[in-house]
Protein backbone atom coordinates (compact mmCIF):
# COMPACT_ATOMS: atom_id res chain seq x y z
CA MET A 1 34.06 -100.53 38.56
CA GLN A 2 32.98 -102.29 35.43
CA LYS A 3 34.45 -100.77 32.27
CA ARG A 4 32.17 -100.17 29.29
CA ASP A 5 33.49 -98.35 26.25
CA LEU A 6 30.78 -96.02 24.98
CA THR A 7 33.17 -94.38 22.52
CA SER A 8 32.86 -97.23 20.06
CA GLY A 9 29.91 -98.74 18.29
CA SER A 10 26.69 -97.11 17.22
CA ILE A 11 25.83 -93.80 18.88
CA SER A 12 22.12 -94.60 18.83
CA GLY A 13 22.80 -98.08 20.21
CA ASN A 14 24.87 -96.64 23.07
CA LEU A 15 22.20 -94.03 23.77
CA ILE A 16 19.49 -96.68 23.90
CA TYR A 17 21.68 -98.87 26.11
CA MET A 18 22.08 -96.02 28.58
CA ALA A 19 18.64 -94.41 28.26
CA LEU A 20 16.20 -97.31 28.49
CA PRO A 21 17.19 -98.57 31.96
CA THR A 22 17.41 -94.99 33.22
CA MET A 23 13.99 -94.10 31.81
CA PHE A 24 12.43 -97.25 33.23
CA GLY A 25 13.94 -96.63 36.67
CA PHE A 26 12.67 -93.04 36.84
CA PHE A 27 9.27 -94.14 35.52
CA ALA A 28 9.06 -96.72 38.33
CA GLN A 29 9.94 -94.06 40.90
CA THR A 30 7.27 -91.74 39.50
CA PHE A 31 4.71 -94.54 39.51
CA TYR A 32 5.65 -95.35 43.11
CA SER A 33 5.07 -91.69 44.08
CA ILE A 34 1.66 -91.72 42.38
CA VAL A 35 0.64 -94.85 44.28
CA ASP A 36 1.90 -93.26 47.52
CA MET A 37 -0.25 -90.20 46.86
CA ILE A 38 -3.30 -92.41 46.22
CA TRP A 39 -2.79 -94.10 49.60
CA ILE A 40 -2.18 -90.76 51.32
CA GLY A 41 -5.41 -89.52 49.72
CA LEU A 42 -7.26 -92.32 51.47
CA ILE A 43 -6.07 -90.90 54.80
CA SER A 44 -7.45 -87.39 54.28
CA PRO A 45 -7.36 -84.37 51.98
CA GLU A 46 -5.32 -82.61 54.65
CA ALA A 47 -2.67 -85.35 54.46
CA VAL A 48 -2.41 -84.80 50.69
CA ALA A 49 -2.13 -81.06 51.32
CA GLY A 50 0.61 -81.63 53.90
CA VAL A 51 2.68 -83.85 51.60
CA THR A 52 2.19 -81.39 48.73
CA ILE A 53 3.23 -78.42 50.87
CA TYR A 54 6.37 -80.16 52.06
CA GLY A 55 7.14 -81.31 48.51
CA THR A 56 7.00 -77.72 47.31
CA ILE A 57 9.38 -76.58 50.05
CA PHE A 58 11.61 -79.61 49.49
CA VAL A 59 12.35 -78.56 45.90
CA VAL A 60 14.45 -75.70 47.29
CA VAL A 61 16.62 -78.17 49.22
CA PHE A 62 16.75 -80.75 46.45
CA VAL A 63 18.21 -78.21 44.02
CA PHE A 64 21.49 -78.48 45.97
CA ASN A 65 21.59 -82.21 45.23
CA ASP A 66 21.06 -81.47 41.54
CA ILE A 67 23.70 -78.74 41.37
CA ILE A 68 26.38 -80.88 42.99
CA GLY A 69 25.30 -83.97 41.04
CA THR A 70 25.39 -82.18 37.70
CA SER A 71 28.84 -80.84 38.46
CA SER A 72 30.11 -84.28 39.42
CA ILE A 73 28.85 -85.87 36.18
CA SER A 74 31.45 -84.16 34.01
CA LEU A 75 34.28 -84.83 36.47
CA ILE A 76 33.42 -88.52 36.86
CA SER A 77 32.87 -89.05 33.14
CA GLN A 78 36.07 -87.28 32.13
CA SER A 79 38.31 -89.10 34.57
CA TYR A 80 36.70 -92.45 33.77
CA GLY A 81 37.02 -91.77 30.03
CA GLU A 82 40.72 -91.04 30.54
CA GLY A 83 41.04 -94.43 32.21
CA ASN A 84 42.03 -92.85 35.52
CA LEU A 85 40.06 -95.14 37.83
CA GLU A 86 41.82 -93.94 40.98
CA ARG A 87 40.77 -90.33 40.29
CA THR A 88 37.26 -91.50 39.35
CA GLU A 89 36.88 -93.28 42.68
CA ARG A 90 38.22 -90.25 44.54
CA ILE A 91 35.73 -87.94 42.79
CA VAL A 92 32.83 -90.27 43.63
CA GLU A 93 33.95 -90.50 47.28
CA GLN A 94 34.35 -86.73 47.55
CA THR A 95 30.98 -86.14 45.90
CA ILE A 96 29.25 -88.49 48.35
CA THR A 97 31.01 -86.80 51.28
CA PHE A 98 30.22 -83.29 50.04
CA LYS A 99 26.59 -84.18 49.36
CA GLY A 100 26.36 -85.74 52.81
CA LEU A 101 27.60 -82.53 54.42
CA ILE A 102 25.25 -80.41 52.29
CA ALA A 103 22.36 -82.75 53.17
CA ILE A 104 23.11 -82.32 56.89
CA ALA A 105 23.26 -78.53 56.49
CA ALA A 106 20.05 -78.55 54.44
CA GLY A 107 18.44 -80.79 57.03
CA LEU A 108 19.34 -78.34 59.79
CA PHE A 109 17.94 -75.50 57.69
CA MET A 110 14.74 -77.48 57.16
CA ILE A 111 14.35 -78.33 60.85
CA ILE A 112 14.79 -74.67 61.80
CA GLY A 113 12.87 -73.18 58.89
CA LEU A 114 10.14 -75.74 58.29
CA ASP A 115 7.60 -74.18 60.66
CA PRO A 116 7.63 -70.67 59.16
CA LEU A 117 7.80 -72.05 55.62
CA VAL A 118 4.80 -74.33 56.12
CA ARG A 119 2.87 -71.45 57.68
CA LEU A 120 3.40 -69.48 54.45
CA PHE A 121 1.44 -72.16 52.59
CA THR A 122 -1.43 -72.97 54.96
CA SER A 123 -3.40 -71.81 57.94
CA ASP A 124 -5.32 -75.09 58.16
CA PRO A 125 -4.20 -76.87 61.36
CA SER A 126 -4.59 -80.39 59.93
CA ALA A 127 -2.65 -79.64 56.74
CA TYR A 128 -0.01 -77.81 58.79
CA GLN A 129 0.45 -80.78 61.12
CA ALA A 130 0.59 -83.25 58.21
CA ALA A 131 3.25 -81.14 56.46
CA MET A 132 5.31 -80.87 59.65
CA ASP A 133 5.11 -84.59 60.44
CA TYR A 134 5.94 -85.64 56.89
CA GLY A 135 8.61 -82.95 56.59
CA TYR A 136 10.54 -84.00 59.67
CA ILE A 137 10.57 -87.63 58.57
CA ARG A 138 11.74 -86.82 55.02
CA THR A 139 14.31 -84.33 56.28
CA PHE A 140 15.89 -86.96 58.53
CA PHE A 141 16.69 -89.11 55.48
CA LEU A 142 18.26 -86.36 53.32
CA PRO A 143 21.86 -87.66 53.63
CA ILE A 144 20.80 -91.15 52.53
CA MET A 145 18.78 -89.81 49.62
CA PHE A 146 21.54 -87.48 48.41
CA SER A 147 24.12 -90.29 48.65
CA SER A 148 21.94 -92.78 46.77
CA TYR A 149 21.53 -90.31 43.91
CA THR A 150 25.31 -89.96 43.78
CA VAL A 151 25.86 -93.71 43.58
CA ASN A 152 23.30 -94.05 40.76
CA THR A 153 24.76 -91.07 38.89
CA ALA A 154 28.33 -92.38 39.25
CA MET A 155 27.33 -95.76 37.81
CA ARG A 156 25.70 -94.10 34.81
CA CYS A 157 28.81 -91.95 34.32
CA ILE A 158 30.94 -95.05 33.89
CA GLY A 159 28.52 -96.60 31.41
CA ASP A 160 26.51 -98.86 33.70
CA SER A 161 22.85 -97.90 33.52
CA LYS A 162 21.51 -101.30 34.58
CA LYS A 163 22.81 -101.40 38.17
CA PRO A 164 21.10 -98.10 39.07
CA LEU A 165 17.88 -99.52 37.64
CA TYR A 166 18.22 -102.64 39.78
CA LEU A 167 19.03 -100.53 42.84
CA MET A 168 16.05 -98.25 42.22
CA MET A 169 13.74 -101.23 41.77
CA ARG A 170 15.13 -102.89 44.89
CA ALA A 171 14.64 -99.70 46.88
CA LEU A 172 11.04 -99.60 45.67
CA LYS A 173 10.70 -103.33 46.47
CA ILE A 174 9.35 -104.06 43.02
């Protein structure tokens, strides 16, 4: 882990140092999602409906990633700020493991519950099928997604906001 002391220097300078790469990375991800939706729209309106339906259901699962991630931020930041790198590494490892287990459990819930949940949103057979197809693919990758968020969050917690940006851009192939 690379050590960066954010307790010294200008507060606004440190905020800008941390915020700009983070903002740019999330902007790129949002832009990527918009472009995806444009391409999906070229397939059919039902495909857009299917992706939108799954996205709405997915928010319920994704909240678990956010809850665990938010909790880990204070633990990682505190132990890193204390200079306890061994504890910091242990917290990151345990967070990745815990999120992986939660992602597997959430994935099982989604596989079992996806059909009735999608049926709550649509009776259109094409939109239903698009949501199911897209949902099963996205659900399969939950552990990877949850873990990647943890790695990016951990890097920001230790004062490195540039590596997560590079990783996000690389994942987007920009």
